[in-house]
Amino acid sequence: LVPRAFHEDEIQLLQLVADRAALAIEHARLFEAERAARERIEHVQAVTDAALAHLEVNELLRMLLPRIRDILRTDTCAVLLLDEETNELVARAALGIEEEVGVRIPLGAGFAGRVALEARPMVIDVDEYPVFNPILRQKHLKSMVGVPLLVRGSSLGVLHVGTLTPRRFTRDEVELLQIVSERVAIAIERAQLHEELIQLDQLKLNFVAIASHELRTPATSVYGVLRTLADRGPELSQELRDELLNVGVEQ
């Protein structure tokens, strides 16, 4: 705060201190980067573990959504799946905005519809974006990020998270949500295939039961004809044997 002429040895001393400080800062940054990478792997592993543990879609989402919300430190988390027959997104599970479950959003409409149609992440300010679903504003959401659920380039739906206070989601956070969404998409496809297999097994069982019922009467008649011909054929007239044969053929 007063005029001073710094001596060369003071400048050199400060440079030595700066050199040590630079090394310490670089070390601290590397440590933080390593810790962040480790936490990221742990977060992804937590989602992967849950994804592998469940084969039923609703149970899978019930386990996944709290983990995803905690990982991103958000207030809400929701999964919408594509109904290919109607070309609409259907909210299958939600945390913080439970009222959204069952809501249908046309593909391309609003926030989630656009994420699914364009198959790319989006970050929005809810107050400024023309959202299709009024529940998002009714719940006073401020910031949201959504990513598509992609499997082999095809969109199964959308995963989105949101906060009740304005927030700028970082690129790393968006990338983390994308990595998580890849695991979620594979798990959902696996669960859907499992449910389809269960339905096919049930259809097979139903078919066998119906076929058995429908075949029982004619099979009994055919057996009766053959049994009669085998046991009493020589005793019967040719006319009666012919009649029994005709009955067997018809059955």
C-alpha atoms as a PDB file:
ATOM      1  CA  LEU A   1       0.000   0.000   0.000  1.00  0.00           C
ATOM      2  CA  VAL A   2       3.105   2.196  -0.005  1.00  0.00           C
ATOM      3  CA  PRO A   3       5.702   2.660  -2.757  1.00  0.00           C
ATOM      4  CA  ARG A   4       8.437   0.013  -2.601  1.00  0.00           C
ATOM      5  CA  ALA A   5      11.332  -1.100  -4.774  1.00  0.00           C
ATOM      6  CA  PHE A   6      11.342  -4.931  -4.833  1.00  0.00           C
ATOM      7  CA  HIS A   7      14.855  -6.373  -4.864  1.00  0.00           C
ATOM      8  CA  GLU A   8      15.967  -9.108  -7.238  1.00  0.00           C
ATOM      9  CA  ASP A   9      16.334 -11.643  -4.420  1.00  0.00           C
ATOM     10  CA  GLU A  10      12.721 -10.931  -3.357  1.00  0.00           C
ATOM     11  CA  ILE A  11      11.517 -11.518  -6.900  1.00  0.00           C
ATOM     12  CA  GLN A  12      13.491 -14.783  -7.071  1.00  0.00           C
ATOM     13  CA  LEU A  13      12.053 -15.854  -3.710  1.00  0.00           C
ATOM     14  CA  LEU A  14       8.532 -15.177  -4.939  1.00  0.00           C
ATOM     15  CA  GLN A  15       9.283 -17.138  -8.119  1.00  0.00           C
ATOM     16  CA  LEU A  16      10.460 -20.118  -6.037  1.00  0.00           C
ATOM     17  CA  VAL A  17       7.262 -19.935  -4.006  1.00  0.00           C
ATOM     18  CA  ALA A  18       5.220 -19.723  -7.238  1.00  0.00           C
ATOM     19  CA  ASP A  19       7.002 -22.795  -8.632  1.00  0.00           C
ATOM     20  CA  ARG A  20       6.067 -24.795  -5.512  1.00  0.00           C
ATOM     21  CA  ALA A  21       2.522 -23.433  -5.599  1.00  0.00           C
ATOM     22  CA  ALA A  22       2.150 -24.422  -9.272  1.00  0.00           C
ATOM     23  CA  LEU A  23       3.210 -27.979  -8.493  1.00  0.00           C
ATOM     24  CA  ALA A  24       0.805 -28.132  -5.556  1.00  0.00           C
ATOM     25  CA  ILE A  25      -2.064 -26.763  -7.656  1.00  0.00           C
ATOM     26  CA  GLU A  26      -1.367 -29.234 -10.460  1.00  0.00           C
ATOM     27  CA  HIS A  27      -1.256 -32.077  -7.939  1.00  0.00           C
ATOM     28  CA  ALA A  28      -4.547 -30.923  -6.383  1.00  0.00           C
ATOM     29  CA  ARG A  29      -6.205 -30.701  -9.807  1.00  0.00           C
ATOM     30  CA  LEU A  30      -5.043 -34.195 -10.735  1.00  0.00           C
ATOM     31  CA  PHE A  31      -6.338 -35.505  -7.410  1.00  0.00           C
ATOM     32  CA  GLU A  32      -9.711 -33.841  -7.954  1.00  0.00           C
ATOM     33  CA  ALA A  33      -9.902 -35.168 -11.518  1.00  0.00           C
ATOM     34  CA  GLU A  34      -9.051 -38.677 -10.313  1.00  0.00           C
ATOM     35  CA  ARG A  35     -11.656 -38.450  -7.556  1.00  0.00           C
ATOM     36  CA  ALA A  36     -14.288 -37.144  -9.985  1.00  0.00           C
ATOM     37  CA  ALA A  37     -13.511 -39.970 -12.424  1.00  0.00           C
ATOM     38  CA  ARG A  38     -13.746 -42.532  -9.626  1.00  0.00           C
ATOM     39  CA  GLU A  39     -17.083 -41.111  -8.460  1.00  0.00           C
ATOM     40  CA  ARG A  40     -18.337 -41.137 -12.041  1.00  0.00           C
ATOM     41  CA  ILE A  41     -17.432 -44.817 -12.431  1.00  0.00           C
ATOM     42  CA  GLU A  42     -19.098 -45.590  -9.091  1.00  0.00           C
ATOM     43  CA  HIS A  43     -22.276 -43.778 -10.177  1.00  0.00           C
ATOM     44  CA  VAL A  44     -22.419 -45.642 -13.480  1.00  0.00           C
ATOM     45  CA  GLN A  45     -21.733 -48.932 -11.699  1.00  0.00           C
ATOM     46  CA  ALA A  46     -24.577 -48.264  -9.255  1.00  0.00           C
ATOM     47  CA  VAL A  47     -26.965 -47.841 -12.178  1.00  0.00           C
ATOM     48  CA  THR A  48     -25.535 -50.881 -13.958  1.00  0.00           C
ATOM     49  CA  ASP A  49     -25.950 -53.044 -10.854  1.00  0.00           C
ATOM     50  CA  ALA A  50     -29.602 -52.036 -10.516  1.00  0.00           C
ATOM     51  CA  ALA A  51     -30.164 -52.536 -14.240  1.00  0.00           C
ATOM     52  CA  LEU A  52     -28.809 -56.083 -14.127  1.00  0.00           C
ATOM     53  CA  ALA A  53     -30.753 -57.034 -11.013  1.00  0.00           C
ATOM     54  CA  HIS A  54     -34.293 -56.617 -12.348  1.00  0.00           C
ATOM     55  CA  LEU A  55     -36.170 -58.069 -15.318  1.00  0.00           C
ATOM     56  CA  GLU A  56     -39.556 -56.378 -14.816  1.00  0.00           C
ATOM     57  CA  VAL A  57     -39.864 -52.840 -16.222  1.00  0.00           C
ATOM     58  CA  ASN A  58     -41.772 -51.209 -13.343  1.00  0.00           C
ATOM     59  CA  GLU A  59     -39.517 -52.738 -10.692  1.00  0.00           C
ATOM     60  CA  LEU A  60     -36.457 -51.765 -12.719  1.00  0.00           C
ATOM     61  CA  LEU A  61     -37.540 -48.126 -12.933  1.00  0.00           C
ATOM     62  CA  ARG A  62     -38.503 -48.054  -9.249  1.00  0.00           C
ATOM     63  CA  MET A  63     -34.916 -48.959  -8.384  1.00  0.00           C
ATOM     64  CA  LEU A  64     -33.181 -46.816 -11.004  1.00  0.00           C
ATOM     65  CA  LEU A  65     -34.879 -43.444 -10.654  1.00  0.00           C
ATOM     66  CA  PRO A  66     -33.790 -42.678  -7.055  1.00  0.00           C
ATOM     67  CA  ARG A  67     -30.193 -43.546  -7.943  1.00  0.00           C
ATOM     68  CA  ILE A  68     -30.205 -41.316 -11.006  1.00  0.00           C
ATOM     69  CA  ARG A  69     -31.745 -38.424  -9.072  1.00  0.00           C
ATOM     70  CA  ASP A  70     -29.113 -38.752  -6.348  1.00  0.00           C
ATOM     71  CA  ILE A  71     -26.250 -39.005  -8.850  1.00  0.00           C
ATOM     72  CA  LEU A  72     -27.219 -35.751 -10.573  1.00  0.00           C
ATOM     73  CA  ARG A  73     -28.346 -34.092  -7.293  1.00  0.00           C
ATOM     74  CA  THR A  74     -31.690 -33.086  -8.789  1.00  0.00           C
ATOM     75  CA  ASP A  75     -35.212 -32.791  -7.422  1.00  0.00           C
ATOM     76  CA  THR A  76     -36.999 -34.819 -10.099  1.00  0.00           C
ATOM     77  CA  CYS A  77     -36.349 -37.733 -12.387  1.00  0.00           C
ATOM     78  CA  ALA A  78     -38.661 -39.367 -14.938  1.00  0.00           C
ATOM     79  CA  VAL A  79     -38.654 -41.969 -17.705  1.00  0.00           C
ATOM     80  CA  LEU A  80     -40.986 -41.783 -20.690  1.00  0.00           C
ATOM     81  CA  LEU A  81     -41.217 -44.725 -23.095  1.00  0.00           C
ATOM     82  CA  LEU A  82     -42.268 -44.610 -26.730  1.00  0.00           C
ATOM     83  CA  ASP A  83     -45.624 -46.164 -27.677  1.00  0.00           C
ATOM     84  CA  GLU A  84     -44.930 -47.094 -31.296  1.00  0.00           C
ATOM     85  CA  GLU A  85     -48.613 -47.682 -32.100  1.00  0.00           C
ATOM     86  CA  THR A  86     -49.646 -44.111 -31.224  1.00  0.00           C
ATOM     87  CA  ASN A  87     -46.228 -42.462 -31.769  1.00  0.00           C
ATOM     88  CA  GLU A  88     -46.454 -40.942 -28.285  1.00  0.00           C
ATOM     89  CA  LEU A  89     -44.214 -40.855 -25.240  1.00  0.00           C
ATOM     90  CA  VAL A  90     -45.846 -42.310 -22.136  1.00  0.00           C
ATOM     91  CA  ALA A  91     -44.514 -41.391 -18.684  1.00  0.00           C
ATOM     92  CA  ARG A  92     -43.867 -44.781 -17.033  1.00  0.00           C
ATOM     93  CA  ALA A  93     -42.188 -43.653 -13.794  1.00  0.00           C
ATOM     94  CA  ALA A  94     -41.378 -40.372 -12.056  1.00  0.00           C
ATOM     95  CA  LEU A  95     -39.903 -39.026  -8.831  1.00  0.00           C
ATOM     96  CA  GLY A  96     -40.761 -35.539  -7.617  1.00  0.00           C
ATOM     97  CA  ILE A  97     -43.367 -35.234 -10.373  1.00  0.00           C
ATOM     98  CA  GLU A  98     -45.365 -38.392  -9.747  1.00  0.00           C
ATOM     99  CA  GLU A  99     -48.394 -36.720 -11.356  1.00  0.00           C
ATOM    100  CA  GLU A 100     -46.645 -37.088 -14.714  1.00  0.00           C
ATOM    101  CA  VAL A 101     -47.015 -40.889 -14.725  1.00  0.00           C
ATOM    102  CA  GLY A 102     -49.460 -41.828 -17.474  1.00  0.00           C
ATOM    103  CA  VAL A 103     -49.160 -38.515 -19.327  1.00  0.00           C
ATOM    104  CA  ARG A 104     -48.862 -38.886 -23.108  1.00  0.00           C
ATOM    105  CA  ILE A 105     -46.723 -36.540 -25.187  1.00  0.00           C
ATOM    106  CA  PRO A 106     -46.737 -36.637 -29.014  1.00  0.00           C
ATOM    107  CA  LEU A 107     -43.359 -37.365 -30.553  1.00  0.00           C
ATOM    108  CA  GLY A 108     -41.735 -34.021 -31.367  1.00  0.00           C
ATOM    109  CA  ALA A 109     -43.954 -31.991 -29.032  1.00  0.00           C
ATOM    110  CA  GLY A 110     -42.545 -29.975 -26.163  1.00  0.00           C
ATOM    111  CA  PHE A 111     -39.347 -30.825 -24.329  1.00  0.00           C
ATOM    112  CA  ALA A 112     -39.396 -34.639 -24.039  1.00  0.00           C
ATOM    113  CA  GLY A 113     -40.984 -35.096 -27.459  1.00  0.00           C
ATOM    114  CA  ARG A 114     -38.223 -33.109 -29.103  1.00  0.00           C
ATOM    115  CA  VAL A 115     -35.457 -34.963 -27.223  1.00  0.00           C
ATOM    116  CA  ALA A 116     -36.894 -38.280 -28.463  1.00  0.00           C
ATOM    117  CA  LEU A 117     -37.447 -37.105 -32.042  1.00  0.00           C
ATOM    118  CA  GLU A 118     -34.032 -35.484 -32.471  1.00  0.00           C
ATOM    119  CA  ALA A 119     -32.243 -38.169 -30.397  1.00  0.00           C
ATOM    120  CA  ARG A 120     -29.988 -35.653 -28.682  1.00  0.00           C
ATOM    121  CA  PRO A 121     -29.615 -34.162 -25.175  1.00  0.00           C
ATOM    122  CA  MET A 122     -31.363 -30.881 -24.334  1.00  0.00           C
ATOM    123  CA  VAL A 123     -31.008 -28.467 -21.420  1.00  0.00           C
ATOM    124  CA  ILE A 124     -33.823 -25.968 -20.867  1.00  0.00           C
ATOM    125  CA  ASP A 125     -35.042 -23.156 -18.648  1.00  0.00           C
ATOM    126  CA  VAL A 126     -38.626 -24.236 -17.962  1.00  0.00           C
ATOM    127  CA  ASP A 127     -39.870 -20.646 -17.588  1.00  0.00           C
ATOM    128  CA  GLU A 128     -38.658 -19.773 -21.076  1.00  0.00           C
ATOM    129  CA  TYR A 129     -39.213 -23.023 -22.999  1.00  0.00           C
ATOM    130  CA  PRO A 130     -42.635 -23.873 -24.536  1.00  0.00           C
ATOM    131  CA  VAL A 131     -43.131 -27.115 -22.603  1.00  0.00           C
ATOM    132  CA  PHE A 132     -46.033 -29.363 -23.673  1.00  0.00           C
ATOM    133  CA  ASN A 133     -46.724 -30.810 -20.229  1.00  0.00           C
ATOM    134  CA  PRO A 134     -48.230 -28.177 -17.851  1.00  0.00           C
ATOM    135  CA  ILE A 135     -47.321 -30.321 -14.818  1.00  0.00           C
ATOM    136  CA  LEU A 136     -43.688 -29.204 -15.196  1.00  0.00           C
ATOM    137  CA  ARG A 137     -44.658 -25.591 -14.502  1.00  0.00           C
ATOM    138  CA  GLN A 138     -47.252 -26.517 -11.897  1.00  0.00           C
ATOM    139  CA  LYS A 139     -44.509 -28.268  -9.912  1.00  0.00           C
ATOM    140  CA  HIS A 140     -42.359 -25.103 -10.260  1.00  0.00           C
ATOM    141  CA  LEU A 141     -39.481 -26.754 -12.057  1.00  0.00           C
ATOM    142  CA  LYS A 142     -36.848 -24.282 -13.209  1.00  0.00           C
ATOM    143  CA  SER A 143     -34.097 -26.189 -15.013  1.00  0.00           C
ATOM    144  CA  MET A 144     -34.221 -29.529 -16.835  1.00  0.00           C
ATOM    145  CA  VAL A 145     -31.950 -31.767 -18.856  1.00  0.00           C
ATOM    146  CA  GLY A 146     -33.218 -34.630 -20.966  1.00  0.00           C
ATOM    147  CA  VAL A 147     -31.440 -37.361 -22.907  1.00  0.00           C
ATOM    148  CA  PRO A 148     -32.783 -39.989 -25.331  1.00  0.00           C
ATOM    149  CA  LEU A 149     -32.860 -43.666 -24.389  1.00  0.00           C
ATOM    150  CA  LEU A 150     -31.075 -45.122 -27.408  1.00  0.00           C
ATOM    151  CA  VAL A 151     -30.487 -48.762 -28.306  1.00  0.00           C
ATOM    152  CA  ARG A 152     -28.671 -49.423 -31.594  1.00  0.00           C
ATOM    153  CA  GLY A 153     -29.653 -45.963 -32.827  1.00  0.00           C
ATOM    154  CA  SER A 154     -33.371 -46.392 -32.092  1.00  0.00           C
ATOM    155  CA  SER A 155     -35.081 -44.319 -29.405  1.00  0.00           C
ATOM    156  CA  LEU A 156     -36.988 -46.203 -26.694  1.00  0.00           C
ATOM    157  CA  GLY A 157     -37.949 -42.986 -24.948  1.00  0.00           C
ATOM    158  CA  VAL A 158     -36.529 -40.186 -22.802  1.00  0.00           C
ATOM    159  CA  LEU A 159     -34.867 -39.820 -19.406  1.00  0.00           C
ATOM    160  CA  HIS A 160     -35.055 -36.357 -17.860  1.00  0.00           C
ATOM    161  CA  VAL A 161     -34.131 -34.737 -14.549  1.00  0.00           C
ATOM    162  CA  GLY A 162     -35.020 -31.324 -13.158  1.00  0.00           C
ATOM    163  CA  THR A 163     -34.431 -28.870 -10.324  1.00  0.00           C
ATOM    164  CA  LEU A 164     -36.736 -26.566  -8.375  1.00  0.00           C
ATOM    165  CA  THR A 165     -34.089 -23.830  -8.418  1.00  0.00           C
ATOM    166  CA  PRO A 166     -32.358 -22.401 -11.513  1.00  0.00           C
ATOM    167  CA  ARG A 167     -29.257 -24.389 -12.369  1.00  0.00           C
ATOM    168  CA  ARG A 168     -26.721 -24.471 -15.144  1.00  0.00           C
ATOM    169  CA  PHE A 169     -26.032 -28.127 -15.914  1.00  0.00           C
ATOM    170  CA  THR A 170     -22.389 -28.602 -16.879  1.00  0.00           C
ATOM    171  CA  ARG A 171     -21.179 -30.531 -19.897  1.00  0.00           C
ATOM    172  CA  ASP A 172     -19.797 -33.212 -17.565  1.00  0.00           C
ATOM    173  CA  GLU A 173     -23.211 -33.601 -15.911  1.00  0.00           C
ATOM    174  CA  VAL A 174     -24.955 -33.938 -19.267  1.00  0.00           C
ATOM    175  CA  GLU A 175     -22.361 -36.498 -20.414  1.00  0.00           C
ATOM    176  CA  LEU A 176     -22.810 -38.446 -17.173  1.00  0.00           C
ATOM    177  CA  LEU A 177     -26.581 -38.528 -17.713  1.00  0.00           C
ATOM    178  CA  GLN A 178     -25.974 -39.767 -21.261  1.00  0.00           C
ATOM    179  CA  ILE A 179     -23.752 -42.589 -20.006  1.00  0.00           C
ATOM    180  CA  VAL A 180     -26.382 -43.485 -17.420  1.00  0.00           C
ATOM    181  CA  SER A 181     -29.122 -43.372 -20.070  1.00  0.00           C
ATOM    182  CA  GLU A 182     -27.237 -45.898 -22.212  1.00  0.00           C
ATOM    183  CA  ARG A 183     -27.318 -48.401 -19.336  1.00  0.00           C
ATOM    184  CA  VAL A 184     -30.958 -47.607 -18.610  1.00  0.00           C
ATOM    185  CA  ALA A 185     -31.952 -48.082 -22.270  1.00  0.00           C
ATOM    186  CA  ILE A 186     -30.266 -51.493 -22.473  1.00  0.00           C
ATOM    187  CA  ALA A 187     -31.891 -52.538 -19.185  1.00  0.00           C
ATOM    188  CA  ILE A 188     -35.342 -51.410 -20.364  1.00  0.00           C
ATOM    189  CA  GLU A 189     -34.995 -53.242 -23.672  1.00  0.00           C
ATOM    190  CA  ARG A 190     -33.884 -56.356 -21.780  1.00  0.00           C
ATOM    191  CA  ALA A 191     -36.847 -56.074 -19.404  1.00  0.00           C
ATOM    192  CA  GLN A 192     -39.285 -55.537 -22.278  1.00  0.00           C
ATOM    193  CA  LEU A 193     -37.947 -58.593 -24.094  1.00  0.00           C
ATOM    194  CA  HIS A 194     -38.301 -60.593 -20.896  1.00  0.00           C
ATOM    195  CA  GLU A 195     -41.933 -59.490 -20.531  1.00  0.00           C
ATOM    196  CA  GLU A 196     -42.610 -60.370 -24.180  1.00  0.00           C
ATOM    197  CA  LEU A 197     -41.162 -63.847 -23.596  1.00  0.00           C
ATOM    198  CA  ILE A 198     -43.449 -64.291 -20.595  1.00  0.00           C
ATOM    199  CA  GLN A 199     -46.431 -63.249 -22.732  1.00  0.00           C
ATOM    200  CA  LEU A 200     -45.394 -65.646 -25.497  1.00  0.00           C
ATOM    201  CA  ASP A 201     -45.061 -68.479 -22.973  1.00  0.00           C
ATOM    202  CA  GLN A 202     -48.553 -67.699 -21.695  1.00  0.00           C
ATOM    203  CA  LEU A 203     -49.915 -67.656 -25.253  1.00  0.00           C
ATOM    204  CA  LYS A 204     -48.246 -71.012 -25.882  1.00  0.00           C
ATOM    205  CA  LEU A 205     -49.803 -72.485 -22.743  1.00  0.00           C
ATOM    206  CA  ASN A 206     -53.208 -71.083 -23.692  1.00  0.00           C
ATOM    207  CA  PHE A 207     -52.876 -72.526 -27.207  1.00  0.00           C
ATOM    208  CA  VAL A 208     -51.950 -75.954 -25.866  1.00  0.00           C
ATOM    209  CA  ALA A 209     -54.893 -75.880 -23.445  1.00  0.00           C
ATOM    210  CA  ILE A 210     -57.343 -74.856 -26.177  1.00  0.00           C
ATOM    211  CA  ALA A 211     -55.909 -77.333 -28.675  1.00  0.00           C
ATOM    212  CA  SER A 212     -56.101 -80.129 -26.112  1.00  0.00           C
ATOM    213  CA  HIS A 213     -59.732 -79.297 -25.396  1.00  0.00           C
ATOM    214  CA  GLU A 214     -60.668 -79.043 -29.074  1.00  0.00           C
ATOM    215  CA  LEU A 215     -58.847 -82.287 -29.961  1.00  0.00           C
ATOM    216  CA  ARG A 216     -60.171 -84.347 -27.083  1.00  0.00           C
ATOM    217  CA  THR A 217     -63.645 -85.067 -28.557  1.00  0.00           C
ATOM    218  CA  PRO A 218     -62.585 -86.056 -32.105  1.00  0.00           C
ATOM    219  CA  ALA A 219     -59.574 -87.974 -30.773  1.00  0.00           C
ATOM    220  CA  THR A 220     -61.889 -89.942 -28.483  1.00  0.00           C
ATOM    221  CA  SER A 221     -64.167 -90.732 -31.422  1.00  0.00           C
ATOM    222  CA  VAL A 222     -61.258 -91.870 -33.606  1.00  0.00           C
ATOM    223  CA  TYR A 223     -59.902 -94.041 -30.793  1.00  0.00           C
ATOM    224  CA  GLY A 224     -63.361 -95.530 -30.269  1.00  0.00           C
ATOM    225  CA  VAL A 225     -63.680 -96.437 -33.962  1.00  0.00           C
ATOM    226  CA  LEU A 226     -60.209 -98.022 -34.061  1.00  0.00           C
ATOM    227  CA  ARG A 227     -60.769 -99.889 -30.810  1.00  0.00           C
ATOM    228  CA  THR A 228     -64.081-101.266 -32.061  1.00  0.00           C
ATOM    229  CA  LEU A 229     -62.611-102.348 -35.385  1.00  0.00           C
ATOM    230  CA  ALA A 230     -59.610-103.928 -33.663  1.00  0.00           C
ATOM    231  CA  ASP A 231     -61.636-105.815 -31.074  1.00  0.00           C
ATOM    232  CA  ARG A 232     -64.774-106.733 -33.009  1.00  0.00           C
ATOM    233  CA  GLY A 233     -63.981-106.136 -36.657  1.00  0.00           C
ATOM    234  CA  PRO A 234     -64.537-109.746 -37.837  1.00  0.00           C
ATOM    235  CA  GLU A 235     -67.893-109.849 -36.050  1.00  0.00           C
ATOM    236  CA  LEU A 236     -69.232-106.743 -37.794  1.00  0.00           C
ATOM    237  CA  SER A 237     -70.883-106.553 -41.163  1.00  0.00           C
ATOM    238  CA  GLN A 238     -69.015-104.931 -44.025  1.00  0.00           C
ATOM    239  CA  GLU A 239     -71.596-102.126 -44.061  1.00  0.00           C
ATOM    240  CA  LEU A 240     -71.031-101.376 -40.365  1.00  0.00           C
ATOM    241  CA  ARG A 241     -67.259-101.491 -40.736  1.00  0.00           C
ATOM    242  CA  ASP A 242     -67.482 -99.033 -43.663  1.00  0.00           C
ATOM    243  CA  GLU A 243     -69.692 -96.744 -41.615  1.00  0.00           C
ATOM    244  CA  LEU A 244     -67.264 -96.808 -38.694  1.00  0.00           C
ATOM    245  CA  LEU A 245     -64.375 -96.017 -41.032  1.00  0.00           C
ATOM    246  CA  ASN A 246     -66.279 -93.053 -42.490  1.00  0.00           C
ATOM    247  CA  VAL A 247     -66.932 -91.736 -38.965  1.00  0.00           C
ATOM    248  CA  GLY A 248     -63.231 -92.079 -38.136  1.00  0.00           C
ATOM    249  CA  VAL A 249     -62.161 -90.254 -41.320  1.00  0.00           C
ATOM    250  CA  GLU A 250     -64.625 -87.418 -40.665  1.00  0.00           C
ATOM    251  CA  GLN A 251     -63.406 -87.016 -37.105  1.00  0.00           C
END
